[in-house]
Amino acid sequence: QPRFARLAHERCEAIEATHPQFAKKWTVVEGDIRERDLGIAPDLLKKIRPKIHRLWHLAAIYDLSVPVSLAYGVNVEGTLHVLDFCEALPNFERLLYISTCYVAGDRKGMIFEADLDKGQDFKNHYESTKFWAEKMVQHRWEKIPTVIFRPAIVVGDSKTGETIKGDGPYVFFNLMGRLPKWVPMVTFGEPTATINVVPVDFLVEAMSVLSEQEAAEGKVFQLADPRPSLASELMDTLVQEFGRAPVVGQVPMKLVNALMSVKPLERMAGIQKQSFAYANYPVTYDVSNTLDHLEGSGVTCPQL
């Protein structure tokens, strides 16, 4: 989008400084996926259309409290415009589409990579609109060669800890950092619920390897931890790492939802009410395709 063009230039120039081979091999194009032809100026589009061979579609609204109209406009209509755009390209080779493991909605148990529409309901508009978007992608992947990636919850670099976003699990980390260390912690949700997180460096390396494989076309890859932690185990780890008082018990989800429905409490905690639902679903994401296609590459998901 035009308002992010300057930042995109700065980021690309920063990459150039570290990787000289990247110099003069990039162009920032202004547009908007909510518009036909992605909102790209017609004269520019005429020049670049024959040069586009691969397209990565990463744009999405992923705020858990996003209104349905905004989520639908970006995640569903935006994806439709991307698909139309790809189909009209004369030299197009492959679409690399970023979905999410959470198209599974409120399902529990094992979620296979071939699964999509199983009559599930959804915890928020982010999940439902990403589900409808992936439905459209799969409906057209016979005409548009496509690889679909479904990341779990993405966290920072596994080696440095660096992250450019402080959402998801980080809101809980921040709350722990603010509370006095003597305040005891509690767990909530189902005891068998798992929290599946993947570090961004693994995600990027895995997508890079898989995107180059011809055999990956027409497949879904769930980029999730094959050995996810229970929510209770994650809490125990955090208590230890933060040097906090131990966990003293479990709070029923009904009470958590009631408390977080009080807006001043939600603001004080700095945690969206919708976030707590993810500790209430015992779910495992099958990663068979991912493991098969990454075999021998040296790319593996590090343990949390």
C-alpha atoms as a PDB file:
ATOM      1  CA  GLN A   1       0.000   0.000   0.000  1.00  0.00           C
ATOM      2  CA  PRO A   2       1.259   3.544  -0.713  1.00  0.00           C
ATOM      3  CA  ARG A   3       1.532   4.389   3.006  1.00  0.00           C
ATOM      4  CA  PHE A   4       4.047   1.546   3.460  1.00  0.00           C
ATOM      5  CA  ALA A   5       6.122   2.251   0.322  1.00  0.00           C
ATOM      6  CA  ARG A   6       8.815   4.273   2.101  1.00  0.00           C
ATOM      7  CA  LEU A   7       9.217   1.590   4.785  1.00  0.00           C
ATOM      8  CA  ALA A   8       9.473  -1.098   2.078  1.00  0.00           C
ATOM      9  CA  HIS A   9      12.275   0.887   0.395  1.00  0.00           C
ATOM     10  CA  GLU A  10      14.122   1.227   3.700  1.00  0.00           C
ATOM     11  CA  ARG A  11      13.806  -2.499   4.433  1.00  0.00           C
ATOM     12  CA  CYS A  12      15.100  -3.453   0.973  1.00  0.00           C
ATOM     13  CA  GLU A  13      18.030  -1.032   1.297  1.00  0.00           C
ATOM     14  CA  ALA A  14      18.859  -2.599   4.676  1.00  0.00           C
ATOM     15  CA  ILE A  15      18.899  -6.052   3.039  1.00  0.00           C
ATOM     16  CA  GLU A  16      21.223  -4.679   0.334  1.00  0.00           C
ATOM     17  CA  ALA A  17      23.661  -3.528   3.007  1.00  0.00           C
ATOM     18  CA  THR A  18      23.913  -7.070   4.393  1.00  0.00           C
ATOM     19  CA  HIS A  19      23.534  -8.994   1.129  1.00  0.00           C
ATOM     20  CA  PRO A  20      25.205  -7.122  -1.770  1.00  0.00           C
ATOM     21  CA  GLN A  21      23.911  -9.727  -4.249  1.00  0.00           C
ATOM     22  CA  PHE A  22      20.427  -8.299  -3.627  1.00  0.00           C
ATOM     23  CA  ALA A  23      21.425  -4.866  -4.950  1.00  0.00           C
ATOM     24  CA  LYS A  24      19.326  -3.533  -7.851  1.00  0.00           C
ATOM     25  CA  LYS A  25      17.286  -6.751  -7.999  1.00  0.00           C
ATOM     26  CA  TRP A  26      14.141  -5.411  -6.368  1.00  0.00           C
ATOM     27  CA  THR A  27      11.358  -2.970  -7.137  1.00  0.00           C
ATOM     28  CA  VAL A  28       8.689  -1.643  -4.787  1.00  0.00           C
ATOM     29  CA  VAL A  29       5.303  -1.483  -6.516  1.00  0.00           C
ATOM     30  CA  GLU A  30       2.429   0.413  -4.929  1.00  0.00           C
ATOM     31  CA  GLY A  31      -1.022  -1.176  -4.993  1.00  0.00           C
ATOM     32  CA  ASP A  32      -3.865  -2.652  -2.961  1.00  0.00           C
ATOM     33  CA  ILE A  33      -5.143  -6.245  -3.150  1.00  0.00           C
ATOM     34  CA  ARG A  34      -8.660  -5.004  -2.384  1.00  0.00           C
ATOM     35  CA  GLU A  35      -8.793  -3.623  -5.935  1.00  0.00           C
ATOM     36  CA  ARG A  36      -8.837  -5.329  -9.329  1.00  0.00           C
ATOM     37  CA  ASP A  37      -5.384  -5.831 -10.862  1.00  0.00           C
ATOM     38  CA  LEU A  38      -4.156  -5.328  -7.280  1.00  0.00           C
ATOM     39  CA  GLY A  39      -4.533  -1.571  -7.670  1.00  0.00           C
ATOM     40  CA  ILE A  40      -1.336  -1.350  -9.754  1.00  0.00           C
ATOM     41  CA  ALA A  41      -1.121   1.608 -12.151  1.00  0.00           C
ATOM     42  CA  PRO A  42      -2.061   0.432 -15.712  1.00  0.00           C
ATOM     43  CA  ASP A  43       1.151   1.670 -17.388  1.00  0.00           C
ATOM     44  CA  LEU A  44       3.334  -0.057 -14.814  1.00  0.00           C
ATOM     45  CA  LEU A  45       1.218  -3.205 -14.917  1.00  0.00           C
ATOM     46  CA  LYS A  46       1.687  -3.449 -18.691  1.00  0.00           C
ATOM     47  CA  LYS A  47       5.477  -3.427 -18.197  1.00  0.00           C
ATOM     48  CA  ILE A  48       5.698  -5.933 -15.371  1.00  0.00           C
ATOM     49  CA  ARG A  49       2.939  -8.405 -16.273  1.00  0.00           C
ATOM     50  CA  PRO A  50       5.112 -10.529 -18.665  1.00  0.00           C
ATOM     51  CA  LYS A  51       7.956 -10.590 -16.094  1.00  0.00           C
ATOM     52  CA  ILE A  52       5.950 -12.136 -13.246  1.00  0.00           C
ATOM     53  CA  HIS A  53       6.651 -15.863 -12.904  1.00  0.00           C
ATOM     54  CA  ARG A  54       6.012 -16.486  -9.215  1.00  0.00           C
ATOM     55  CA  LEU A  55       3.836 -14.697  -6.733  1.00  0.00           C
ATOM     56  CA  TRP A  56       3.890 -14.981  -2.944  1.00  0.00           C
ATOM     57  CA  HIS A  57       0.570 -14.012  -1.388  1.00  0.00           C
ATOM     58  CA  LEU A  58       1.274 -13.174   2.259  1.00  0.00           C
ATOM     59  CA  ALA A  59      -1.069 -10.207   2.773  1.00  0.00           C
ATOM     60  CA  ALA A  60      -3.797 -10.739   5.375  1.00  0.00           C
ATOM     61  CA  ILE A  61      -5.551  -9.162   8.326  1.00  0.00           C
ATOM     62  CA  TYR A  62      -4.784 -11.435  11.276  1.00  0.00           C
ATOM     63  CA  ASP A  63      -6.100  -9.402  14.218  1.00  0.00           C
ATOM     64  CA  LEU A  64      -8.251 -11.801  16.277  1.00  0.00           C
ATOM     65  CA  SER A  65     -10.792  -9.048  17.006  1.00  0.00           C
ATOM     66  CA  VAL A  66     -10.987  -7.739  13.423  1.00  0.00           C
ATOM     67  CA  PRO A  67     -14.486  -6.712  12.206  1.00  0.00           C
ATOM     68  CA  VAL A  68     -15.939  -9.070   9.617  1.00  0.00           C
ATOM     69  CA  SER A  69     -16.174  -6.422   6.851  1.00  0.00           C
ATOM     70  CA  LEU A  70     -12.458  -5.560   7.014  1.00  0.00           C
ATOM     71  CA  ALA A  71     -11.400  -9.207   7.338  1.00  0.00           C
ATOM     72  CA  TYR A  72     -13.587 -10.220   4.390  1.00  0.00           C
ATOM     73  CA  GLY A  73     -12.382  -7.328   2.202  1.00  0.00           C
ATOM     74  CA  VAL A  74      -8.689  -8.172   2.641  1.00  0.00           C
ATOM     75  CA  ASN A  75      -8.616 -11.916   3.269  1.00  0.00           C
ATOM     76  CA  VAL A  76     -11.371 -13.115   0.928  1.00  0.00           C
ATOM     77  CA  GLU A  77     -11.909 -10.454  -1.750  1.00  0.00           C
ATOM     78  CA  GLY A  78      -8.189  -9.659  -1.726  1.00  0.00           C
ATOM     79  CA  THR A  79      -7.340 -13.316  -2.368  1.00  0.00           C
ATOM     80  CA  LEU A  80      -9.922 -13.455  -5.171  1.00  0.00           C
ATOM     81  CA  HIS A  81      -8.200 -10.483  -6.839  1.00  0.00           C
ATOM     82  CA  VAL A  82      -4.811 -12.191  -6.462  1.00  0.00           C
ATOM     83  CA  LEU A  83      -6.150 -15.379  -8.072  1.00  0.00           C
ATOM     84  CA  ASP A  84      -7.662 -13.415 -10.990  1.00  0.00           C
ATOM     85  CA  PHE A  85      -4.368 -11.565 -11.362  1.00  0.00           C
ATOM     86  CA  CYS A  86      -2.349 -14.813 -11.483  1.00  0.00           C
ATOM     87  CA  GLU A  87      -4.661 -16.436 -14.020  1.00  0.00           C
ATOM     88  CA  ALA A  88      -4.218 -13.497 -16.406  1.00  0.00           C
ATOM     89  CA  LEU A  89      -0.389 -13.553 -16.347  1.00  0.00           C
ATOM     90  CA  PRO A  90       1.100 -14.877 -19.632  1.00  0.00           C
ATOM     91  CA  ASN A  91       4.262 -16.439 -18.162  1.00  0.00           C
ATOM     92  CA  PHE A  92       3.030 -17.460 -14.733  1.00  0.00           C
ATOM     93  CA  GLU A  93       4.579 -20.518 -13.052  1.00  0.00           C
ATOM     94  CA  ARG A  94       3.469 -20.754  -9.446  1.00  0.00           C
ATOM     95  CA  LEU A  95       1.471 -19.165  -6.633  1.00  0.00           C
ATOM     96  CA  LEU A  96       2.875 -19.546  -3.114  1.00  0.00           C
ATOM     97  CA  TYR A  97      -0.087 -18.957  -0.822  1.00  0.00           C
ATOM     98  CA  ILE A  98       0.182 -18.371   2.933  1.00  0.00           C
ATOM     99  CA  SER A  99      -2.844 -19.732   4.769  1.00  0.00           C
ATOM    100  CA  THR A 100      -2.888 -20.716   8.463  1.00  0.00           C
ATOM    101  CA  CYS A 101      -3.313 -23.862  10.550  1.00  0.00           C
ATOM    102  CA  TYR A 102      -6.306 -22.115  12.106  1.00  0.00           C
ATOM    103  CA  VAL A 103      -8.530 -22.659   9.081  1.00  0.00           C
ATOM    104  CA  ALA A 104      -9.362 -25.740  11.210  1.00  0.00           C
ATOM    105  CA  GLY A 105     -11.481 -23.421  13.374  1.00  0.00           C
ATOM    106  CA  ASP A 106     -12.910 -25.077  16.462  1.00  0.00           C
ATOM    107  CA  ARG A 107     -12.032 -28.648  15.458  1.00  0.00           C
ATOM    108  CA  LYS A 108     -10.245 -30.839  17.977  1.00  0.00           C
ATOM    109  CA  GLY A 109      -7.962 -33.863  17.606  1.00  0.00           C
ATOM    110  CA  MET A 110      -5.765 -34.524  14.560  1.00  0.00           C
ATOM    111  CA  ILE A 111      -5.953 -32.039  11.676  1.00  0.00           C
ATOM    112  CA  PHE A 112      -4.534 -33.507   8.470  1.00  0.00           C
ATOM    113  CA  GLU A 113      -2.922 -31.441   5.731  1.00  0.00           C
ATOM    114  CA  ALA A 114      -5.563 -32.636   3.250  1.00  0.00           C
ATOM    115  CA  ASP A 115      -8.367 -31.464   5.579  1.00  0.00           C
ATOM    116  CA  LEU A 116     -10.185 -28.202   4.983  1.00  0.00           C
ATOM    117  CA  ASP A 117     -13.983 -28.154   5.065  1.00  0.00           C
ATOM    118  CA  LYS A 118     -15.138 -30.460   7.833  1.00  0.00           C
ATOM    119  CA  GLY A 119     -18.207 -28.455   8.859  1.00  0.00           C
ATOM    120  CA  GLN A 120     -16.249 -26.640  11.558  1.00  0.00           C
ATOM    121  CA  ASP A 121     -17.195 -23.383  13.241  1.00  0.00           C
ATOM    122  CA  PHE A 122     -14.688 -20.599  13.898  1.00  0.00           C
ATOM    123  CA  LYS A 123     -13.438 -18.722  16.929  1.00  0.00           C
ATOM    124  CA  ASN A 124     -13.186 -15.350  15.163  1.00  0.00           C
ATOM    125  CA  HIS A 125     -13.489 -13.606  11.770  1.00  0.00           C
ATOM    126  CA  TYR A 126      -9.773 -14.033  11.075  1.00  0.00           C
ATOM    127  CA  GLU A 127     -10.164 -17.823  11.047  1.00  0.00           C
ATOM    128  CA  SER A 128     -13.391 -17.855   9.023  1.00  0.00           C
ATOM    129  CA  THR A 129     -12.133 -15.478   6.324  1.00  0.00           C
ATOM    130  CA  LYS A 130      -8.822 -17.328   5.953  1.00  0.00           C
ATOM    131  CA  PHE A 131     -10.852 -20.539   5.608  1.00  0.00           C
ATOM    132  CA  TRP A 132     -12.974 -19.084   2.790  1.00  0.00           C
ATOM    133  CA  ALA A 133      -9.849 -17.702   1.127  1.00  0.00           C
ATOM    134  CA  GLU A 134      -8.133 -21.097   1.121  1.00  0.00           C
ATOM    135  CA  LYS A 135     -11.335 -22.680  -0.232  1.00  0.00           C
ATOM    136  CA  MET A 136     -11.091 -20.337  -3.226  1.00  0.00           C
ATOM    137  CA  VAL A 137      -7.390 -21.100  -3.714  1.00  0.00           C
ATOM    138  CA  GLN A 138      -7.969 -24.862  -3.692  1.00  0.00           C
ATOM    139  CA  HIS A 139     -10.966 -24.498  -6.023  1.00  0.00           C
ATOM    140  CA  ARG A 140      -8.710 -22.939  -8.669  1.00  0.00           C
ATOM    141  CA  TRP A 141      -5.396 -24.701  -8.218  1.00  0.00           C
ATOM    142  CA  GLU A 142      -5.961 -26.893 -11.284  1.00  0.00           C
ATOM    143  CA  LYS A 143      -5.759 -23.702 -13.374  1.00  0.00           C
ATOM    144  CA  ILE A 144      -3.299 -21.871 -11.133  1.00  0.00           C
ATOM    145  CA  PRO A 145      -0.289 -23.987 -10.009  1.00  0.00           C
ATOM    146  CA  THR A 146      -0.213 -23.446  -6.257  1.00  0.00           C
ATOM    147  CA  VAL A 147       1.608 -24.441  -3.075  1.00  0.00           C
ATOM    148  CA  ILE A 148      -0.264 -23.755   0.172  1.00  0.00           C
ATOM    149  CA  PHE A 149       1.525 -23.110   3.458  1.00  0.00           C
ATOM    150  CA  ARG A 150      -0.300 -23.220   6.796  1.00  0.00           C
ATOM    151  CA  PRO A 151       1.870 -21.806   9.600  1.00  0.00           C
ATOM    152  CA  ALA A 152       1.017 -22.330  13.256  1.00  0.00           C
ATOM    153  CA  ILE A 153       1.564 -19.412  15.685  1.00  0.00           C
ATOM    154  CA  VAL A 154       4.701 -17.576  14.536  1.00  0.00           C
ATOM    155  CA  VAL A 155       7.225 -16.314  17.079  1.00  0.00           C
ATOM    156  CA  GLY A 156      10.675 -14.703  16.813  1.00  0.00           C
ATOM    157  CA  ASP A 157      14.016 -16.034  15.645  1.00  0.00           C
ATOM    158  CA  SER A 158      14.966 -19.282  17.387  1.00  0.00           C
ATOM    159  CA  LYS A 159      18.628 -18.267  17.655  1.00  0.00           C
ATOM    160  CA  THR A 160      18.463 -14.589  18.631  1.00  0.00           C
ATOM    161  CA  GLY A 161      14.911 -14.255  19.973  1.00  0.00           C
ATOM    162  CA  GLU A 162      14.427 -11.168  17.789  1.00  0.00           C
ATOM    163  CA  THR A 163      10.870 -10.427  16.638  1.00  0.00           C
ATOM    164  CA  ILE A 164       9.311  -7.526  14.758  1.00  0.00           C
ATOM    165  CA  LYS A 165       5.844  -8.079  16.256  1.00  0.00           C
ATOM    166  CA  GLY A 166       4.718  -8.319  19.853  1.00  0.00           C
ATOM    167  CA  ASP A 167       1.378 -10.049  19.484  1.00  0.00           C
ATOM    168  CA  GLY A 168       0.285 -13.667  20.016  1.00  0.00           C
ATOM    169  CA  PRO A 169       2.175 -15.302  22.933  1.00  0.00           C
ATOM    170  CA  TYR A 170       4.139 -12.095  23.546  1.00  0.00           C
ATOM    171  CA  VAL A 171       1.146 -10.436  25.207  1.00  0.00           C
ATOM    172  CA  PHE A 172       1.365 -13.108  27.925  1.00  0.00           C
ATOM    173  CA  PHE A 173       5.141 -12.624  28.196  1.00  0.00           C
ATOM    174  CA  ASN A 174       4.626  -8.865  28.599  1.00  0.00           C
ATOM    175  CA  LEU A 175       2.000  -9.380  31.300  1.00  0.00           C
ATOM    176  CA  MET A 176       4.388 -11.662  33.218  1.00  0.00           C
ATOM    177  CA  GLY A 177       7.075  -9.030  32.939  1.00  0.00           C
ATOM    178  CA  ARG A 178       4.792  -6.342  34.393  1.00  0.00           C
ATOM    179  CA  LEU A 179       3.366  -8.294  37.334  1.00  0.00           C
ATOM    180  CA  PRO A 180       5.322  -8.510  40.606  1.00  0.00           C
ATOM    181  CA  LYS A 181       7.213 -11.814  40.738  1.00  0.00           C
ATOM    182  CA  TRP A 182       5.480 -12.896  43.954  1.00  0.00           C
ATOM    183  CA  VAL A 183       2.027 -12.917  42.237  1.00  0.00           C
ATOM    184  CA  PRO A 184       1.180 -16.626  41.705  1.00  0.00           C
ATOM    185  CA  MET A 185       0.302 -17.841  38.217  1.00  0.00           C
ATOM    186  CA  VAL A 186      -2.658 -19.977  37.141  1.00  0.00           C
ATOM    187  CA  THR A 187      -3.462 -22.113  34.116  1.00  0.00           C
ATOM    188  CA  PHE A 188      -6.744 -22.102  32.203  1.00  0.00           C
ATOM    189  CA  GLY A 189      -8.454 -24.030  29.418  1.00  0.00           C
ATOM    190  CA  GLU A 190      -8.424 -27.765  28.739  1.00  0.00           C
ATOM    191  CA  PRO A 191      -5.513 -29.657  30.363  1.00  0.00           C
ATOM    192  CA  THR A 192      -4.780 -31.458  27.057  1.00  0.00           C
ATOM    193  CA  ALA A 193      -4.757 -28.267  24.950  1.00  0.00           C
ATOM    194  CA  THR A 194      -1.525 -27.613  23.049  1.00  0.00           C
ATOM    195  CA  ILE A 195       0.101 -24.331  22.042  1.00  0.00           C
ATOM    196  CA  ASN A 196       1.791 -24.813  18.667  1.00  0.00           C
ATOM    197  CA  VAL A 197       4.411 -22.185  17.901  1.00  0.00           C
ATOM    198  CA  VAL A 198       7.063 -22.043  15.170  1.00  0.00           C
ATOM    199  CA  PRO A 199      10.010 -19.621  15.022  1.00  0.00           C
ATOM    200  CA  VAL A 200      10.137 -17.316  12.031  1.00  0.00           C
ATOM    201  CA  ASP A 201      13.574 -18.523  10.849  1.00  0.00           C
ATOM    202  CA  PHE A 202      12.272 -22.099  10.540  1.00  0.00           C
ATOM    203  CA  LEU A 203       9.181 -20.826   8.729  1.00  0.00           C
ATOM    204  CA  VAL A 204      11.197 -18.848   6.172  1.00  0.00           C
ATOM    205  CA  GLU A 205      13.724 -21.641   5.579  1.00  0.00           C
ATOM    206  CA  ALA A 206      10.992 -24.277   5.169  1.00  0.00           C
ATOM    207  CA  MET A 207       8.960 -22.168   2.730  1.00  0.00           C
ATOM    208  CA  SER A 208      12.109 -21.360   0.763  1.00  0.00           C
ATOM    209  CA  VAL A 209      12.965 -25.058   0.327  1.00  0.00           C
ATOM    210  CA  LEU A 210       9.403 -26.174  -0.427  1.00  0.00           C
ATOM    211  CA  SER A 211       8.739 -23.351  -2.888  1.00  0.00           C
ATOM    212  CA  GLU A 212      11.443 -24.698  -5.212  1.00  0.00           C
ATOM    213  CA  GLN A 213      10.122 -28.262  -5.414  1.00  0.00           C
ATOM    214  CA  GLU A 214       8.051 -29.223  -8.450  1.00  0.00           C
ATOM    215  CA  ALA A 215       6.467 -32.047  -6.436  1.00  0.00           C
ATOM    216  CA  ALA A 216       5.107 -29.498  -3.956  1.00  0.00           C
ATOM    217  CA  GLU A 217       2.509 -28.160  -6.400  1.00  0.00           C
ATOM    218  CA  GLY A 218      -1.068 -28.901  -5.442  1.00  0.00           C
ATOM    219  CA  LYS A 219      -0.136 -29.746  -1.852  1.00  0.00           C
ATOM    220  CA  VAL A 220      -0.747 -28.234   1.560  1.00  0.00           C
ATOM    221  CA  PHE A 221       2.106 -27.949   4.069  1.00  0.00           C
ATOM    222  CA  GLN A 222       1.265 -27.421   7.724  1.00  0.00           C
ATOM    223  CA  LEU A 223       4.298 -25.636   9.135  1.00  0.00           C
ATOM    224  CA  ALA A 224       3.767 -26.622  12.739  1.00  0.00           C
ATOM    225  CA  ASP A 225       5.794 -28.099  15.572  1.00  0.00           C
ATOM    226  CA  PRO A 226       5.539 -31.906  15.419  1.00  0.00           C
ATOM    227  CA  ARG A 227       6.068 -31.946  19.218  1.00  0.00           C
ATOM    228  CA  PRO A 228       3.908 -29.087  20.532  1.00  0.00           C
ATOM    229  CA  SER A 229       3.839 -28.216  24.210  1.00  0.00           C
ATOM    230  CA  LEU A 230       0.753 -28.501  26.376  1.00  0.00           C
ATOM    231  CA  ALA A 231      -0.496 -25.084  27.463  1.00  0.00           C
ATOM    232  CA  SER A 232       0.197 -26.121  31.066  1.00  0.00           C
ATOM    233  CA  GLU A 233       3.790 -27.113  30.170  1.00  0.00           C
ATOM    234  CA  LEU A 234       4.323 -23.761  28.463  1.00  0.00           C
ATOM    235  CA  MET A 235       3.117 -21.958  31.592  1.00  0.00           C
ATOM    236  CA  ASP A 236       5.531 -24.004  33.750  1.00  0.00           C
ATOM    237  CA  THR A 237       8.396 -23.097  31.387  1.00  0.00           C
ATOM    238  CA  LEU A 238       7.510 -19.399  31.482  1.00  0.00           C
ATOM    239  CA  VAL A 239       7.258 -19.377  35.284  1.00  0.00           C
ATOM    240  CA  GLN A 240      10.736 -20.903  35.474  1.00  0.00           C
ATOM    241  CA  GLU A 241      12.287 -18.578  32.873  1.00  0.00           C
ATOM    242  CA  PHE A 242      10.745 -15.462  34.443  1.00  0.00           C
ATOM    243  CA  GLY A 243      11.739 -16.561  37.948  1.00  0.00           C
ATOM    244  CA  ARG A 244       8.147 -16.254  39.111  1.00  0.00           C
ATOM    245  CA  ALA A 245       6.102 -17.787  41.917  1.00  0.00           C
ATOM    246  CA  PRO A 246       4.842 -21.251  40.912  1.00  0.00           C
ATOM    247  CA  VAL A 247       1.491 -22.125  39.342  1.00  0.00           C
ATOM    248  CA  VAL A 248      -1.099 -22.577  42.097  1.00  0.00           C
ATOM    249  CA  GLY A 249      -4.129 -23.889  40.218  1.00  0.00           C
ATOM    250  CA  GLN A 250      -6.465 -23.707  37.258  1.00  0.00           C
ATOM    251  CA  VAL A 251      -9.126 -21.106  36.451  1.00  0.00           C
ATOM    252  CA  PRO A 252     -12.275 -22.215  34.539  1.00  0.00           C
ATOM    253  CA  MET A 253     -12.595 -20.719  31.048  1.00  0.00           C
ATOM    254  CA  LYS A 254     -16.051 -19.367  31.920  1.00  0.00           C
ATOM    255  CA  LEU A 255     -14.459 -17.182  34.592  1.00  0.00           C
ATOM    256  CA  VAL A 256     -11.645 -16.089  32.255  1.00  0.00           C
ATOM    257  CA  ASN A 257     -14.164 -15.097  29.560  1.00  0.00           C
ATOM    258  CA  ALA A 258     -16.303 -13.255  32.107  1.00  0.00           C
ATOM    259  CA  LEU A 259     -13.328 -11.295  33.448  1.00  0.00           C
ATOM    260  CA  MET A 260     -11.975 -10.464  29.978  1.00  0.00           C
ATOM    261  CA  SER A 261     -15.426  -9.237  28.927  1.00  0.00           C
ATOM    262  CA  VAL A 262     -14.856  -6.313  31.298  1.00  0.00           C
ATOM    263  CA  LYS A 263     -13.104  -3.860  28.965  1.00  0.00           C
ATOM    264  CA  PRO A 264     -10.996  -2.069  31.624  1.00  0.00           C
ATOM    265  CA  LEU A 265      -9.657  -5.463  32.766  1.00  0.00           C
ATOM    266  CA  GLU A 266      -8.917  -6.492  29.172  1.00  0.00           C
ATOM    267  CA  ARG A 267      -7.035  -3.231  28.576  1.00  0.00           C
ATOM    268  CA  MET A 268      -5.122  -3.535  31.863  1.00  0.00           C
ATOM    269  CA  ALA A 269      -4.045  -7.090  31.030  1.00  0.00           C
ATOM    270  CA  GLY A 270      -3.108  -6.061  27.491  1.00  0.00           C
ATOM    271  CA  ILE A 271      -4.552  -9.327  26.144  1.00  0.00           C
ATOM    272  CA  GLN A 272      -7.436  -9.691  23.702  1.00  0.00           C
ATOM    273  CA  LYS A 273     -10.255 -11.786  25.074  1.00  0.00           C
ATOM    274  CA  GLN A 274     -10.185 -13.873  21.857  1.00  0.00           C
ATOM    275  CA  SER A 275      -6.608 -15.018  22.593  1.00  0.00           C
ATOM    276  CA  PHE A 276      -7.632 -17.214  25.516  1.00  0.00           C
ATOM    277  CA  ALA A 277      -9.673 -19.524  23.276  1.00  0.00           C
ATOM    278  CA  TYR A 278      -6.458 -20.972  21.837  1.00  0.00           C
ATOM    279  CA  ALA A 279      -5.649 -22.605  25.185  1.00  0.00           C
ATOM    280  CA  ASN A 280      -8.952 -24.467  25.102  1.00  0.00           C
ATOM    281  CA  TYR A 281      -8.588 -26.735  22.059  1.00  0.00           C
ATOM    282  CA  PRO A 282      -6.687 -30.056  22.254  1.00  0.00           C
ATOM    283  CA  VAL A 283      -5.550 -30.183  18.642  1.00  0.00           C
ATOM    284  CA  THR A 284      -2.596 -31.660  16.742  1.00  0.00           C
ATOM    285  CA  TYR A 285      -1.534 -30.603  13.247  1.00  0.00           C
ATOM    286  CA  ASP A 286      -0.323 -33.378  10.957  1.00  0.00           C
ATOM    287  CA  VAL A 287       2.950 -32.416   9.259  1.00  0.00           C
ATOM    288  CA  SER A 288       3.508 -35.484   7.065  1.00  0.00           C
ATOM    289  CA  ASN A 289       3.868 -33.552   3.782  1.00  0.00           C
ATOM    290  CA  THR A 290       6.163 -31.033   5.437  1.00  0.00           C
ATOM    291  CA  LEU A 291       8.470 -33.663   6.933  1.00  0.00           C
ATOM    292  CA  ASP A 292       8.550 -35.718   3.720  1.00  0.00           C
ATOM    293  CA  HIS A 293       9.468 -32.772   1.507  1.00  0.00           C
ATOM    294  CA  LEU A 294      12.003 -31.290   3.949  1.00  0.00           C
ATOM    295  CA  GLU A 295      13.826 -34.595   4.400  1.00  0.00           C
ATOM    296  CA  GLY A 296      17.521 -34.180   3.666  1.00  0.00           C
ATOM    297  CA  SER A 297      17.327 -30.378   3.589  1.00  0.00           C
ATOM    298  CA  GLY A 298      18.552 -29.924   7.154  1.00  0.00           C
ATOM    299  CA  VAL A 299      15.549 -27.719   7.930  1.00  0.00           C
ATOM    300  CA  THR A 300      13.713 -28.827  11.083  1.00  0.00           C
ATOM    301  CA  CYS A 301      11.482 -27.110  13.612  1.00  0.00           C
ATOM    302  CA  PRO A 302      13.487 -26.477  16.800  1.00  0.00           C
ATOM    303  CA  GLN A 303      11.910 -27.370  20.111  1.00  0.00           C
ATOM    304  CA  LEU A 304      10.253 -24.524  21.967  1.00  0.00           C
END
